[in-house]
PDB file of N, CA and C in Angstrom:
ATOM      1  N   UNK A   1       0.843  -1.184   0.000  1.00  0.00           N
ATOM      2  CA  UNK A   1       0.000   0.000   0.000  1.00  0.00           C
ATOM      3  C   UNK A   1       0.882   1.238   0.000  1.00  0.00           C
ATOM      4  N   UNK A   2       0.291   2.332  -0.272  1.00  0.00           N
ATOM      5  CA  UNK A   2       1.038   3.581  -0.321  1.00  0.00           C
ATOM      6  C   UNK A   2       1.176   4.167   1.070  1.00  0.00           C
ATOM      7  N   UNK A   3       1.589   5.410   1.147  1.00  0.00           N
ATOM      8  CA  UNK A   3       1.783   6.084   2.428  1.00  0.00           C
ATOM      9  C   UNK A   3       0.499   6.711   2.950  1.00  0.00           C
ATOM     10  N   UNK A   4      -0.651   6.145   2.633  1.00  0.00           N
ATOM     11  CA  UNK A   4      -1.914   6.684   3.108  1.00  0.00           C
ATOM     12  C   UNK A   4      -2.097   6.370   4.588  1.00  0.00           C
ATOM     13  N   UNK A   5      -2.991   7.102   5.238  1.00  0.00           N
ATOM     14  CA  UNK A   5      -3.219   6.903   6.670  1.00  0.00           C
ATOM     15  C   UNK A   5      -3.903   5.557   6.908  1.00  0.00           C
ATOM     16  N   UNK A   6      -3.735   5.006   8.115  1.00  0.00           N
ATOM     17  CA  UNK A   6      -4.398   3.730   8.421  1.00  0.00           C
ATOM     18  C   UNK A   6      -5.922   3.799   8.257  1.00  0.00           C
ATOM     19  N   UNK A   7      -6.520   4.929   8.622  1.00  0.00           N
ATOM     20  CA  UNK A   7      -7.968   5.071   8.488  1.00  0.00           C
ATOM     21  C   UNK A   7      -8.392   5.003   7.028  1.00  0.00           C
ATOM     22  N   UNK A   8      -7.602   5.605   6.145  1.00  0.00           N
ATOM     23  CA  UNK A   8      -7.911   5.566   4.727  1.00  0.00           C
ATOM     24  C   UNK A   8      -7.742   4.144   4.196  1.00  0.00           C
ATOM     25  N   UNK A   9      -6.699   3.454   4.638  1.00  0.00           N
ATOM     26  CA  UNK A   9      -6.485   2.069   4.201  1.00  0.00           C
ATOM     27  C   UNK A   9      -7.659   1.191   4.610  1.00  0.00           C
ATOM     28  N   UNK A  10      -8.102   1.331   5.859  1.00  0.00           N
ATOM     29  CA  UNK A  10      -9.240   0.547   6.341  1.00  0.00           C
ATOM     30  C   UNK A  10     -10.471   0.838   5.485  1.00  0.00           C
ATOM     31  N   UNK A  11     -10.761   2.104   5.237  1.00  0.00           N
ATOM     32  CA  UNK A  11     -11.920   2.478   4.430  1.00  0.00           C
ATOM     33  C   UNK A  11     -11.805   1.922   3.014  1.00  0.00           C
ATOM     34  N   UNK A  12     -10.625   2.001   2.434  1.00  0.00           N
ATOM     35  CA  UNK A  12     -10.384   1.503   1.077  1.00  0.00           C
ATOM     36  C   UNK A  12     -10.618  -0.015   1.014  1.00  0.00           C
ATOM     37  N   UNK A  13     -10.110  -0.739   1.991  1.00  0.00           N
ATOM     38  CA  UNK A  13     -10.257  -2.196   2.016  1.00  0.00           C
ATOM     39  C   UNK A  13     -11.714  -2.576   2.278  1.00  0.00           C
ATOM     40  N   UNK A  14     -12.363  -1.923   3.242  1.00  0.00           N
ATOM     41  CA  UNK A  14     -13.768  -2.222   3.532  1.00  0.00           C
ATOM     42  C   UNK A  14     -14.637  -2.000   2.298  1.00  0.00           C
ATOM     43  N   UNK A  15     -14.375  -0.909   1.604  1.00  0.00           N
ATOM     44  CA  UNK A  15     -15.154  -0.611   0.405  1.00  0.00           C
ATOM     45  C   UNK A  15     -14.941  -1.675  -0.665  1.00  0.00           C
ATOM     46  N   UNK A  16     -13.705  -2.088  -0.856  1.00  0.00           N
ATOM     47  CA  UNK A  16     -13.409  -3.126  -1.845  1.00  0.00           C
ATOM     48  C   UNK A  16     -14.115  -4.434  -1.487  1.00  0.00           C
ATOM     49  N   UNK A  17     -14.096  -4.824  -0.221  1.00  0.00           N
ATOM     50  CA  UNK A  17     -14.746  -6.058   0.203  1.00  0.00           C
ATOM     51  C   UNK A  17     -16.260  -5.967   0.073  1.00  0.00           C
ATOM     52  N   UNK A  18     -16.817  -4.785   0.291  1.00  0.00           N
ATOM     53  CA  UNK A  18     -18.266  -4.606   0.186  1.00  0.00           C
ATOM     54  C   UNK A  18     -18.733  -4.537  -1.266  1.00  0.00           C
ATOM     55  N   UNK A  19     -17.931  -3.940  -2.141  1.00  0.00           N
ATOM     56  CA  UNK A  19     -18.370  -3.715  -3.521  1.00  0.00           C
ATOM     57  C   UNK A  19     -18.023  -4.841  -4.485  1.00  0.00           C
ATOM     58  N   UNK A  20     -17.030  -5.649  -4.153  1.00  0.00           N
ATOM     59  CA  UNK A  20     -16.662  -6.737  -5.067  1.00  0.00           C
ATOM     60  C   UNK A  20     -17.755  -7.807  -5.026  1.00  0.00           C
ATOM     61  N   UNK A  21     -18.259  -8.232  -6.191  1.00  0.00           N
ATOM     62  CA  UNK A  21     -19.349  -9.223  -6.200  1.00  0.00           C
ATOM     63  C   UNK A  21     -18.949 -10.585  -5.629  1.00  0.00           C
ATOM     64  N   UNK A  22     -17.671 -10.883  -5.583  1.00  0.00           N
ATOM     65  CA  UNK A  22     -17.232 -12.161  -5.001  1.00  0.00           C
ATOM     66  C   UNK A  22     -17.399 -12.180  -3.497  1.00  0.00           C
ATOM     67  N   UNK A  23     -17.302 -11.019  -2.887  1.00  0.00           N
ATOM     68  CA  UNK A  23     -17.359 -10.965  -1.429  1.00  0.00           C
ATOM     69  C   UNK A  23     -18.616 -10.270  -0.929  1.00  0.00           C
ATOM     70  N   UNK A  24     -18.884  -9.079  -1.380  1.00  0.00           N
ATOM     71  CA  UNK A  24     -20.057  -8.299  -0.954  1.00  0.00           C
ATOM     72  C   UNK A  24     -20.256  -8.378   0.560  1.00  0.00           C
ATOM     73  N   UNK A  25     -19.175  -8.210   1.295  1.00  0.00           N
ATOM     74  CA  UNK A  25     -19.210  -8.338   2.749  1.00  0.00           C
ATOM     75  C   UNK A  25     -19.155  -6.988   3.441  1.00  0.00           C
ATOM     76  N   UNK A  26     -20.156  -6.727   4.251  1.00  0.00           N
ATOM     77  CA  UNK A  26     -20.187  -5.498   5.046  1.00  0.00           C
ATOM     78  C   UNK A  26     -19.802  -5.765   6.498  1.00  0.00           C
ATOM     79  N   UNK A  27     -19.889  -7.011   6.948  1.00  0.00           N
ATOM     80  CA  UNK A  27     -19.696  -7.319   8.352  1.00  0.00           C
ATOM     81  C   UNK A  27     -18.305  -7.764   8.740  1.00  0.00           C
ATOM     82  N   UNK A  28     -17.376  -7.779   7.813  1.00  0.00           N
ATOM     83  CA  UNK A  28     -16.013  -8.185   8.138  1.00  0.00           C
ATOM     84  C   UNK A  28     -15.266  -6.988   8.710  1.00  0.00           C
ATOM     85  N   UNK A  29     -14.644  -7.201   9.853  1.00  0.00           N
ATOM     86  CA  UNK A  29     -13.874  -6.121  10.477  1.00  0.00           C
ATOM     87  C   UNK A  29     -12.464  -6.100   9.907  1.00  0.00           C
ATOM     88  N   UNK A  30     -11.968  -4.902   9.675  1.00  0.00           N
ATOM     89  CA  UNK A  30     -10.641  -4.702   9.090  1.00  0.00           C
ATOM     90  C   UNK A  30      -9.824  -3.849  10.049  1.00  0.00           C
ATOM     91  N   UNK A  31      -8.627  -4.324  10.388  1.00  0.00           N
ATOM     92  CA  UNK A  31      -7.719  -3.573  11.241  1.00  0.00           C
ATOM     93  C   UNK A  31      -6.376  -3.497  10.519  1.00  0.00           C
ATOM     94  N   UNK A  32      -5.833  -2.302  10.395  1.00  0.00           N
ATOM     95  CA  UNK A  32      -4.564  -2.103   9.692  1.00  0.00           C
ATOM     96  C   UNK A  32      -3.520  -1.594  10.670  1.00  0.00           C
ATOM     97  N   UNK A  33      -2.366  -2.257  10.655  1.00  0.00           N
ATOM     98  CA  UNK A  33      -1.199  -1.802  11.429  1.00  0.00           C
ATOM     99  C   UNK A  33      -0.010  -1.850  10.482  1.00  0.00           C
ATOM    100  N   UNK A  34       0.418  -0.697  10.013  1.00  0.00           N
ATOM    101  CA  UNK A  34       1.526  -0.648   9.064  1.00  0.00           C
ATOM    102  C   UNK A  34       1.168  -1.386   7.790  1.00  0.00           C
ATOM    103  N   UNK A  35       1.964  -2.388   7.441  1.00  0.00           N
ATOM    104  CA  UNK A  35       1.704  -3.178   6.240  1.00  0.00           C
ATOM    105  C   UNK A  35       1.065  -4.516   6.577  1.00  0.00           C
ATOM    106  N   UNK A  36       0.343  -4.563   7.683  1.00  0.00           N
ATOM    107  CA  UNK A  36      -0.320  -5.788   8.108  1.00  0.00           C
ATOM    108  C   UNK A  36      -1.821  -5.517   8.239  1.00  0.00           C
ATOM    109  N   UNK A  37      -2.634  -6.399   7.638  1.00  0.00           N
ATOM    110  CA  UNK A  37      -4.088  -6.275   7.704  1.00  0.00           C
ATOM    111  C   UNK A  37      -4.645  -7.487   8.436  1.00  0.00           C
ATOM    112  N   UNK A  38      -5.503  -7.215   9.415  1.00  0.00           N
ATOM    113  CA  UNK A  38      -6.157  -8.275  10.179  1.00  0.00           C
ATOM    114  C   UNK A  38      -7.649  -8.248   9.846  1.00  0.00           C
ATOM    115  N   UNK A  39      -8.170  -9.382   9.360  1.00  0.00           N
ATOM    116  CA  UNK A  39      -9.594  -9.528   9.065  1.00  0.00           C
ATOM    117  C   UNK A  39     -10.227 -10.394  10.138  1.00  0.00           C
ATOM    118  N   UNK A  40     -11.414 -10.007  10.602  1.00  0.00           N
ATOM    119  CA  UNK A  40     -12.144 -10.817  11.566  1.00  0.00           C
ATOM    120  C   UNK A  40     -13.636 -10.674  11.305  1.00  0.00           C
ATOM    121  N   UNK A  41     -14.389 -11.600  11.848  1.00  0.00           N
ATOM    122  CA  UNK A  41     -15.828 -11.601  11.652  1.00  0.00           C
ATOM    123  C   UNK A  41     -16.303 -12.978  11.256  1.00  0.00           C
ATOM    124  N   UNK A  42     -17.428 -13.025  10.552  1.00  0.00           N
ATOM    125  CA  UNK A  42     -18.020 -14.308  10.192  1.00  0.00           C
ATOM    126  C   UNK A  42     -18.626 -14.216   8.804  1.00  0.00           C
ATOM    127  N   UNK A  43     -18.440 -15.275   8.018  1.00  0.00           N
ATOM    128  CA  UNK A  43     -19.017 -15.374   6.676  1.00  0.00           C
ATOM    129  C   UNK A  43     -19.754 -16.697   6.555  1.00  0.00           C
ATOM    130  N   UNK A  44     -20.512 -16.859   5.470  1.00  0.00           N
ATOM    131  CA  UNK A  44     -21.359 -18.036   5.304  1.00  0.00           C
ATOM    132  C   UNK A  44     -20.613 -19.278   4.829  1.00  0.00           C
ATOM    133  N   UNK A  45     -19.551 -19.103   4.027  1.00  0.00           N
ATOM    134  CA  UNK A  45     -18.880 -20.269   3.442  1.00  0.00           C
ATOM    135  C   UNK A  45     -17.366 -20.125   3.474  1.00  0.00           C
ATOM    136  N   UNK A  46     -16.680 -21.257   3.356  1.00  0.00           N
ATOM    137  CA  UNK A  46     -15.220 -21.254   3.271  1.00  0.00           C
ATOM    138  C   UNK A  46     -14.762 -20.549   1.995  1.00  0.00           C
ATOM    139  N   UNK A  47     -15.525 -20.702   0.916  1.00  0.00           N
ATOM    140  CA  UNK A  47     -15.184 -20.033  -0.350  1.00  0.00           C
ATOM    141  C   UNK A  47     -15.192 -18.516  -0.167  1.00  0.00           C
ATOM    142  N   UNK A  48     -16.190 -18.005   0.538  1.00  0.00           N
ATOM    143  CA  UNK A  48     -16.269 -16.559   0.777  1.00  0.00           C
ATOM    144  C   UNK A  48     -15.067 -16.092   1.589  1.00  0.00           C
ATOM    145  N   UNK A  49     -14.655 -16.884   2.567  1.00  0.00           N
ATOM    146  CA  UNK A  49     -13.487 -16.551   3.390  1.00  0.00           C
ATOM    147  C   UNK A  49     -12.241 -16.456   2.522  1.00  0.00           C
ATOM    148  N   UNK A  50     -12.065 -17.409   1.614  1.00  0.00           N
ATOM    149  CA  UNK A  50     -10.921 -17.405   0.692  1.00  0.00           C
ATOM    150  C   UNK A  50     -10.990 -16.215  -0.259  1.00  0.00           C
ATOM    151  N   UNK A  51     -12.182 -15.902  -0.729  1.00  0.00           N
ATOM    152  CA  UNK A  51     -12.348 -14.786  -1.665  1.00  0.00           C
ATOM    153  C   UNK A  51     -12.016 -13.445  -1.011  1.00  0.00           C
ATOM    154  N   UNK A  52     -12.213 -13.329   0.293  1.00  0.00           N
ATOM    155  CA  UNK A  52     -11.814 -12.107   0.997  1.00  0.00           C
ATOM    156  C   UNK A  52     -10.318 -11.865   0.808  1.00  0.00           C
ATOM    157  N   UNK A  53      -9.526 -12.916   0.971  1.00  0.00           N
ATOM    158  CA  UNK A  53      -8.075 -12.789   0.788  1.00  0.00           C
ATOM    159  C   UNK A  53      -7.720 -12.465  -0.651  1.00  0.00           C
ATOM    160  N   UNK A  54      -8.441 -13.052  -1.607  1.00  0.00           N
ATOM    161  CA  UNK A  54      -8.165 -12.788  -3.019  1.00  0.00           C
ATOM    162  C   UNK A  54      -8.428 -11.327  -3.364  1.00  0.00           C
ATOM    163  N   UNK A  55      -9.551 -10.802  -2.915  1.00  0.00           N
ATOM    164  CA  UNK A  55      -9.875  -9.396  -3.180  1.00  0.00           C
ATOM    165  C   UNK A  55      -8.852  -8.488  -2.506  1.00  0.00           C
ATOM    166  N   UNK A  56      -8.499  -8.810  -1.277  1.00  0.00           N
ATOM    167  CA  UNK A  56      -7.503  -8.013  -0.560  1.00  0.00           C
ATOM    168  C   UNK A  56      -6.162  -8.027  -1.284  1.00  0.00           C
ATOM    169  N   UNK A  57      -5.762  -9.179  -1.808  1.00  0.00           N
ATOM    170  CA  UNK A  57      -4.499  -9.276  -2.542  1.00  0.00           C
ATOM    171  C   UNK A  57      -4.516  -8.416  -3.802  1.00  0.00           C
ATOM    172  N   UNK A  58      -5.681  -8.246  -4.405  1.00  0.00           N
ATOM    173  CA  UNK A  58      -5.797  -7.416  -5.610  1.00  0.00           C
ATOM    174  C   UNK A  58      -5.737  -5.928  -5.284  1.00  0.00           C
ATOM    175  N   UNK A  59      -6.386  -5.511  -4.196  1.00  0.00           N
ATOM    176  CA  UNK A  59      -6.428  -4.079  -3.874  1.00  0.00           C
ATOM    177  C   UNK A  59      -5.238  -3.627  -3.043  1.00  0.00           C
ATOM    178  N   UNK A  60      -4.587  -4.568  -2.347  1.00  0.00           N
ATOM    179  CA  UNK A  60      -3.437  -4.216  -1.503  1.00  0.00           C
ATOM    180  C   UNK A  60      -2.416  -5.360  -1.563  1.00  0.00           C
ATOM    181  N   UNK A  61      -1.750  -5.525  -2.689  1.00  0.00           N
ATOM    182  CA  UNK A  61      -0.842  -6.668  -2.856  1.00  0.00           C
ATOM    183  C   UNK A  61       0.402  -6.621  -1.983  1.00  0.00           C
ATOM    184  N   UNK A  62       0.707  -5.477  -1.405  1.00  0.00           N
ATOM    185  CA  UNK A  62       1.940  -5.337  -0.638  1.00  0.00           C
ATOM    186  C   UNK A  62       1.762  -5.491   0.871  1.00  0.00           C
ATOM    187  N   UNK A  63       0.608  -6.000   1.317  1.00  0.00           N
ATOM    188  CA  UNK A  63       0.386  -6.181   2.749  1.00  0.00           C
ATOM    189  C   UNK A  63       0.358  -7.662   3.111  1.00  0.00           C
ATOM    190  N   UNK A  64       0.676  -7.950   4.365  1.00  0.00           N
ATOM    191  CA  UNK A  64       0.492  -9.315   4.855  1.00  0.00           C
ATOM    192  C   UNK A  64      -0.883  -9.381   5.501  1.00  0.00           C
ATOM    193  N   UNK A  65      -1.502 -10.550   5.425  1.00  0.00           N
ATOM    194  CA  UNK A  65      -2.885 -10.696   5.874  1.00  0.00           C
ATOM    195  C   UNK A  65      -2.980 -11.750   6.969  1.00  0.00           C
ATOM    196  N   UNK A  66      -3.700 -11.412   8.025  1.00  0.00           N
ATOM    197  CA  UNK A  66      -4.062 -12.364   9.057  1.00  0.00           C
ATOM    198  C   UNK A  66      -5.576 -12.506   8.964  1.00  0.00           C
ATOM    199  N   UNK A  67      -6.036 -13.622   8.395  1.00  0.00           N
ATOM    200  CA  UNK A  67      -7.456 -13.831   8.171  1.00  0.00           C
ATOM    201  C   UNK A  67      -8.042 -14.684   9.292  1.00  0.00           C
ATOM    202  N   UNK A  68      -8.669 -14.020  10.266  1.00  0.00           N
ATOM    203  CA  UNK A  68      -9.327 -14.710  11.374  1.00  0.00           C
ATOM    204  C   UNK A  68     -10.837 -14.767  11.187  1.00  0.00           C
ATOM    205  N   UNK A  69     -11.294 -14.653   9.955  1.00  0.00           N
ATOM    206  CA  UNK A  69     -12.723 -14.724   9.664  1.00  0.00           C
ATOM    207  C   UNK A  69     -13.176 -16.167   9.853  1.00  0.00           C
ATOM    208  N   UNK A  70     -14.261 -16.337  10.593  1.00  0.00           N
ATOM    209  CA  UNK A  70     -14.829 -17.668  10.841  1.00  0.00           C
ATOM    210  C   UNK A  70     -15.938 -17.962   9.838  1.00  0.00           C
ATOM    211  N   UNK A  71     -16.148 -19.255   9.588  1.00  0.00           N
ATOM    212  CA  UNK A  71     -17.260 -19.692   8.743  1.00  0.00           C
ATOM    213  C   UNK A  71     -18.406 -20.051   9.675  1.00  0.00           C
ATOM    214  N   UNK A  72     -19.574 -19.472   9.414  1.00  0.00           N
ATOM    215  CA  UNK A  72     -20.745 -19.696  10.268  1.00  0.00           C
ATOM    216  C   UNK A  72     -21.188 -21.149  10.194  1.00  0.00           C
ATOM    217  N   UNK A  73     -21.597 -21.680  11.310  1.00  0.00           N
ATOM    218  CA  UNK A  73     -22.133 -23.032  11.370  1.00  0.00           C
ATOM    219  C   UNK A  73     -23.612 -22.962  11.029  1.00  0.00           C
ATOM    220  N   UNK A  74     -23.977 -23.432   9.844  1.00  0.00           N
ATOM    221  CA  UNK A  74     -25.363 -23.348   9.390  1.00  0.00           C
ATOM    222  C   UNK A  74     -26.054 -24.704   9.398  1.00  0.00           C
ATOM    223  N   UNK A  75     -25.443 -25.675  10.063  1.00  0.00           N
ATOM    224  CA  UNK A  75     -26.056 -27.000  10.137  1.00  0.00           C
ATOM    225  C   UNK A  75     -27.260 -26.981  11.066  1.00  0.00           C
ATOM    226  N   UNK A  76     -28.146 -27.950  10.844  1.00  0.00           N
ATOM    227  CA  UNK A  76     -29.292 -28.130  11.728  1.00  0.00           C
ATOM    228  C   UNK A  76     -28.786 -28.521  13.114  1.00  0.00           C
ATOM    229  N   UNK A  77     -29.456 -28.114  14.160  1.00  0.00           N
ATOM    230  CA  UNK A  77     -29.045 -28.541  15.500  1.00  0.00           C
ATOM    231  C   UNK A  77     -29.102 -30.065  15.610  1.00  0.00           C
ATOM    232  N   UNK A  78     -28.200 -30.639  16.389  1.00  0.00           N
ATOM    233  CA  UNK A  78     -28.157 -32.091  16.555  1.00  0.00           C
ATOM    234  C   UNK A  78     -29.355 -32.604  17.349  1.00  0.00           C
ATOM    235  N   UNK A  79     -29.874 -31.765  18.231  1.00  0.00           N
ATOM    236  CA  UNK A  79     -31.043 -32.168  19.010  1.00  0.00           C
ATOM    237  C   UNK A  79     -31.947 -30.968  19.198  1.00  0.00           C
ATOM    238  N   UNK A  80     -33.169 -31.244  19.642  1.00  0.00           N
ATOM    239  CA  UNK A  80     -34.132 -30.190  19.845  1.00  0.00           C
ATOM    240  C   UNK A  80     -33.759 -29.358  21.057  1.00  0.00           C
ATOM    241  N   UNK A  81     -34.019 -28.104  20.953  1.00  0.00           N
ATOM    242  CA  UNK A  81     -33.784 -27.214  22.084  1.00  0.00           C
ATOM    243  C   UNK A  81     -35.038 -27.192  22.954  1.00  0.00           C
ATOM    244  N   UNK A  82     -34.855 -27.354  24.230  1.00  0.00           N
ATOM    245  CA  UNK A  82     -35.979 -27.327  25.143  1.00  0.00           C
ATOM    246  C   UNK A  82     -36.072 -25.978  25.828  1.00  0.00           C
ATOM    247  N   UNK A  83     -37.217 -25.352  25.712  1.00  0.00           N
ATOM    248  CA  UNK A  83     -37.455 -24.073  26.376  1.00  0.00           C
ATOM    249  C   UNK A  83     -38.165 -24.318  27.685  1.00  0.00           C
ATOM    250  N   UNK A  84     -37.716 -23.683  28.728  1.00  0.00           N
ATOM    251  CA  UNK A  84     -38.344 -23.873  30.051  1.00  0.00           C
ATOM    252  C   UNK A  84     -38.887 -22.585  30.569  1.00  0.00           C
TER     253      UNK A  84
END
């Protein structure tokens, strides 16, 4: 990335992740420290998680990425929940 401020980098990355049709993610948190980007949050699929890194590599190829984005568990519950 260039010598832009960390706030600008975060905004630039968030916008890219939200506008790219592969990701279209608004809920992923982005934290920038120097040339290091940390992603966190939750997405629906493993493919979406991988695509976040791909989009980031295209818009900011000179940063290292720590992708802590989790894949949501969308399976049916193993047993019924009892309400008391």
